[in-house]
């Protein structure tokens, strides 16, 4: 759990297990105030958390850090893994898969870039639609959100961004194929009476996707 620049962790099962093996309580509901790691020596605060099953990644407005370990006794200190490619918010940061196999993650940065990472290296994959990204309405940028869709031959990261400066909001929905990083269906523009907060992709019997 992220609060400000601190990452809090709950008690472990071992801490709640009695000598007879009985687990006295729910470890995931116990959050001691002194069990935390400071993610930044400066004024950064967490804007998103993501896990690939092996490490916890922490996004701030500037950097991506990670924590390794499987117990408070061996947690590593938060360390920068990707510099100057911060995460806008929790909703745009998505794990992506290729044919069901984890391949990394994609996110939107506060400076309007779309970044793809395999958790080792990262690339700016949004440059083909940078003109669209540059038109984001900054006053509503925190309403941006994304989702990942795995459907047969398609592995899609779908990003919804606000573009119109005044209501009704104009929402542009863009998607990139995780296999090729090629953007498609970029200019699906939806006039909305209020800012959307989530996306649902539905495939009809005619195989035409509707958002």
Protein backbone atom coordinates (compact mmCIF):
# COMPACT_ATOMS: atom_id res chain seq x y z
CA UNK A 1 0.00 0.00 0.00
CA UNK A 2 1.38 3.40 -0.97
CA UNK A 3 0.79 6.47 1.18
CA UNK A 4 2.74 9.52 0.12
CA UNK A 5 6.36 8.47 -0.27
CA UNK A 6 6.01 5.43 1.99
CA UNK A 7 5.24 1.86 0.93
CA UNK A 8 3.49 -0.02 3.75
CA UNK A 9 3.37 -3.79 3.97
CA UNK A 10 1.10 -6.01 6.02
CA UNK A 11 2.05 -8.63 8.55
CA UNK A 12 3.12 -12.04 7.28
CA UNK A 13 1.31 -15.32 7.93
CA UNK A 14 4.18 -16.40 10.19
CA UNK A 15 3.56 -13.46 12.52
CA UNK A 16 -0.03 -14.57 13.10
CA UNK A 17 0.58 -18.32 13.33
CA UNK A 18 0.39 -19.79 16.84
CA UNK A 19 2.60 -22.70 18.01
CA UNK A 20 -0.27 -25.12 17.36
CA UNK A 21 -0.49 -23.98 13.71
CA UNK A 22 -3.64 -21.91 14.14
CA UNK A 23 -3.62 -18.65 12.18
CA UNK A 24 -4.99 -16.02 14.56
CA UNK A 25 -6.30 -13.29 12.31
CA UNK A 26 -6.04 -12.08 8.74
CA UNK A 27 -2.53 -10.98 7.92
CA UNK A 28 -3.66 -8.98 4.88
CA UNK A 29 -5.78 -6.78 7.15
CA UNK A 30 -2.97 -5.94 9.60
CA UNK A 31 -0.96 -2.87 8.57
CA UNK A 32 1.38 -1.77 11.41
CA UNK A 33 2.38 1.87 11.16
CA UNK A 34 6.07 1.07 11.50
CA UNK A 35 6.25 -1.50 8.69
CA UNK A 36 7.06 0.63 5.68
CA UNK A 37 9.82 1.49 3.23
CA UNK A 38 10.62 5.05 2.19
CA UNK A 39 10.58 5.07 -1.62
CA UNK A 40 12.29 8.42 -2.09
CA UNK A 41 14.79 10.65 -0.34
CA UNK A 42 13.13 13.61 -2.04
CA UNK A 43 9.55 14.77 -2.38
CA UNK A 44 8.33 12.06 -4.77
CA UNK A 45 5.11 10.25 -4.00
CA UNK A 46 3.79 7.02 -5.45
CA UNK A 47 1.36 7.29 -8.36
CA UNK A 48 1.03 3.57 -9.07
CA UNK A 49 1.99 0.05 -7.98
CA UNK A 50 2.49 -2.96 -10.25
CA UNK A 51 3.78 -6.51 -9.76
CA UNK A 52 5.03 -9.10 -12.22
CA UNK A 53 4.84 -11.83 -9.60
CA UNK A 54 8.52 -11.54 -8.70
CA UNK A 55 9.01 -7.89 -7.78
CA UNK A 56 6.94 -4.88 -6.79
CA UNK A 57 7.30 -1.88 -9.09
CA UNK A 58 6.55 1.60 -7.76
CA UNK A 59 5.81 4.45 -10.11
CA UNK A 60 6.13 8.10 -9.17
CA UNK A 61 5.66 11.15 -11.37
CA UNK A 62 9.37 10.89 -12.30
CA UNK A 63 10.77 7.37 -11.93
CA UNK A 64 10.01 3.65 -11.71
CA UNK A 65 11.48 1.85 -8.70
CA UNK A 66 11.35 -1.76 -7.66
CA UNK A 67 11.42 -3.82 -4.48
CA UNK A 68 12.45 -7.48 -4.42
CA UNK A 69 12.06 -10.09 -1.69
CA UNK A 70 9.30 -12.29 -0.32
CA UNK A 71 9.40 -11.36 3.35
CA UNK A 72 10.02 -8.21 5.42
CA UNK A 73 13.32 -9.72 6.50
CA UNK A 74 14.69 -9.67 2.95
CA UNK A 75 12.87 -6.80 1.25
CA UNK A 76 15.29 -4.68 -0.77
CA UNK A 77 15.35 -0.91 -0.55
CA UNK A 78 13.38 0.79 -3.36
CA UNK A 79 15.79 1.25 -6.26
CA UNK A 80 15.30 3.19 -9.50
CA UNK A 81 15.04 0.83 -12.47
CA UNK A 82 13.66 3.28 -15.06
CA UNK A 83 14.57 6.96 -14.67
CA UNK A 84 12.58 9.93 -15.97
CA UNK A 85 9.65 7.85 -17.24
CA UNK A 86 7.16 8.28 -14.40
CA UNK A 87 3.63 6.89 -14.24
CA UNK A 88 0.70 9.27 -14.67
CA UNK A 89 -1.70 7.28 -12.48
CA UNK A 90 -2.59 3.75 -11.44
CA UNK A 91 -5.19 3.35 -14.18
CA UNK A 92 -2.84 3.70 -17.17
CA UNK A 93 -0.24 1.18 -15.91
CA UNK A 94 -1.06 -2.28 -17.23
CA UNK A 95 0.70 -5.64 -17.43
CA UNK A 96 0.72 -6.94 -20.99
CA UNK A 97 0.94 -10.46 -22.39
CA UNK A 98 1.81 -12.01 -25.75
CA UNK A 99 -0.17 -15.16 -26.47
CA UNK A 100 -0.75 -15.57 -22.75
CA UNK A 101 2.89 -15.15 -21.76
CA UNK A 102 3.83 -12.11 -19.63
CA UNK A 103 5.88 -9.69 -21.72
CA UNK A 104 6.09 -6.56 -19.57
CA UNK A 105 3.96 -3.49 -19.06
CA UNK A 106 2.85 -0.27 -20.75
CA UNK A 107 1.97 3.10 -19.26
CA UNK A 108 1.38 6.79 -19.98
CA UNK A 109 3.83 9.26 -18.47
CA UNK A 110 3.02 12.71 -17.03
CA UNK A 111 4.95 14.29 -19.95
CA UNK A 112 2.66 12.56 -22.48
CA UNK A 113 4.69 9.57 -23.63
CA UNK A 114 3.58 5.95 -23.88
CA UNK A 115 6.31 3.67 -22.53
CA UNK A 116 6.66 -0.08 -23.01
CA UNK A 117 8.94 -2.11 -20.74
CA UNK A 118 9.92 -5.75 -20.34
CA UNK A 119 10.90 -4.91 -16.73
CA UNK A 120 14.53 -4.63 -17.82
CA UNK A 121 14.66 -2.03 -20.59
CA UNK A 122 12.04 0.44 -21.79
CA UNK A 123 11.14 2.11 -25.08
CA UNK A 124 9.00 5.05 -26.15
CA UNK A 125 6.33 3.22 -28.17
CA UNK A 126 3.94 6.16 -28.42
CA UNK A 127 5.87 8.25 -30.92
CA UNK A 128 3.66 7.19 -33.90
CA UNK A 129 0.70 8.88 -32.17
CA UNK A 130 2.61 11.65 -30.41
CA UNK A 131 0.45 14.28 -32.11
CA UNK A 132 -2.60 12.68 -30.46
CA UNK A 133 -0.88 12.46 -27.08
CA UNK A 134 0.21 16.10 -27.31
CA UNK A 135 -3.44 17.11 -27.65
CA UNK A 136 -4.38 15.69 -24.23
CA UNK A 137 -6.41 18.11 -22.13
CA UNK A 138 -3.98 18.65 -19.23
CA UNK A 139 -6.73 19.86 -16.89
CA UNK A 140 -8.38 16.43 -17.17
CA UNK A 141 -5.29 14.28 -17.72
CA UNK A 142 -5.82 12.32 -14.49
CA UNK A 143 -8.99 10.82 -16.00
CA UNK A 144 -6.85 8.91 -18.54
CA UNK A 145 -7.17 5.17 -18.16
CA UNK A 146 -6.16 1.98 -19.95
CA UNK A 147 -6.86 -1.72 -20.16
CA UNK A 148 -5.24 -4.81 -21.64
CA UNK A 149 -7.20 -7.20 -23.87
CA UNK A 150 -6.05 -10.66 -24.93
CA UNK A 151 -8.34 -12.05 -27.61
CA UNK A 152 -7.07 -14.65 -30.04
CA UNK A 153 -4.62 -13.04 -32.43
CA UNK A 154 -4.87 -9.69 -30.66
CA UNK A 155 -2.97 -8.58 -27.54
CA UNK A 156 -4.07 -4.98 -27.13
CA UNK A 157 -3.22 -2.17 -24.74
CA UNK A 158 -6.15 0.24 -25.03
CA UNK A 159 -5.65 3.81 -23.82
CA UNK A 160 -8.43 6.36 -23.33
CA UNK A 161 -7.39 10.02 -23.07
CA UNK A 162 -9.32 13.31 -22.71
CA UNK A 163 -8.82 15.85 -25.50
CA UNK A 164 -11.54 18.52 -25.43
CA UNK A 165 -10.94 21.47 -23.08
CA UNK A 166 -14.60 21.80 -22.07
CA UNK A 167 -17.63 19.47 -21.64
CA UNK A 168 -18.89 17.51 -23.35
CA UNK A 169 -15.52 15.82 -23.10
CA UNK A 170 -14.00 14.22 -26.17
CA UNK A 171 -12.39 10.90 -25.42
CA UNK A 172 -9.92 9.39 -27.86
CA UNK A 173 -9.43 5.65 -27.61
CA UNK A 174 -6.15 4.32 -28.98
CA UNK A 175 -4.83 0.77 -28.96
CA UNK A 176 -1.45 -0.81 -29.64
CA UNK A 177 -0.67 -4.43 -30.38
CA UNK A 178 1.72 -5.80 -27.74
CA UNK A 179 3.26 -8.12 -30.32
CA UNK A 180 4.31 -5.40 -32.77
CA UNK A 181 3.87 -2.10 -30.89
CA UNK A 182 1.93 -0.90 -33.93
CA UNK A 183 -0.97 1.43 -33.17
CA UNK A 184 -4.41 0.75 -34.58
CA UNK A 185 -7.94 2.11 -34.17
CA UNK A 186 -6.35 5.33 -33.01
CA UNK A 187 -9.00 7.89 -33.86
CA UNK A 188 -12.10 6.39 -32.29
CA UNK A 189 -13.46 9.63 -30.81
CA UNK A 190 -16.35 9.51 -28.37
CA UNK A 191 -18.18 12.65 -27.17
CA UNK A 192 -19.06 12.17 -23.51
CA UNK A 193 -21.12 14.26 -21.12
CA UNK A 194 -18.69 13.48 -18.33
CA UNK A 195 -15.21 12.02 -18.09
CA UNK A 196 -15.08 8.23 -18.34
CA UNK A 197 -13.23 6.30 -15.65
CA UNK A 198 -13.06 2.79 -17.13
CA UNK A 199 -13.34 0.85 -20.39
CA UNK A 200 -15.18 -2.33 -21.38
CA UNK A 201 -14.42 -4.04 -24.68
CA UNK A 202 -17.17 -6.23 -26.10
CA UNK A 203 -16.95 -8.45 -29.17
CA UNK A 204 -20.28 -8.99 -30.90
CA UNK A 205 -21.14 -12.10 -32.91
CA UNK A 206 -20.00 -10.33 -36.08
CA UNK A 207 -16.51 -10.01 -34.56
CA UNK A 208 -16.70 -6.23 -34.50
CA UNK A 209 -15.36 -4.80 -31.22
CA UNK A 210 -17.41 -2.17 -29.40
CA UNK A 211 -16.01 0.06 -26.64
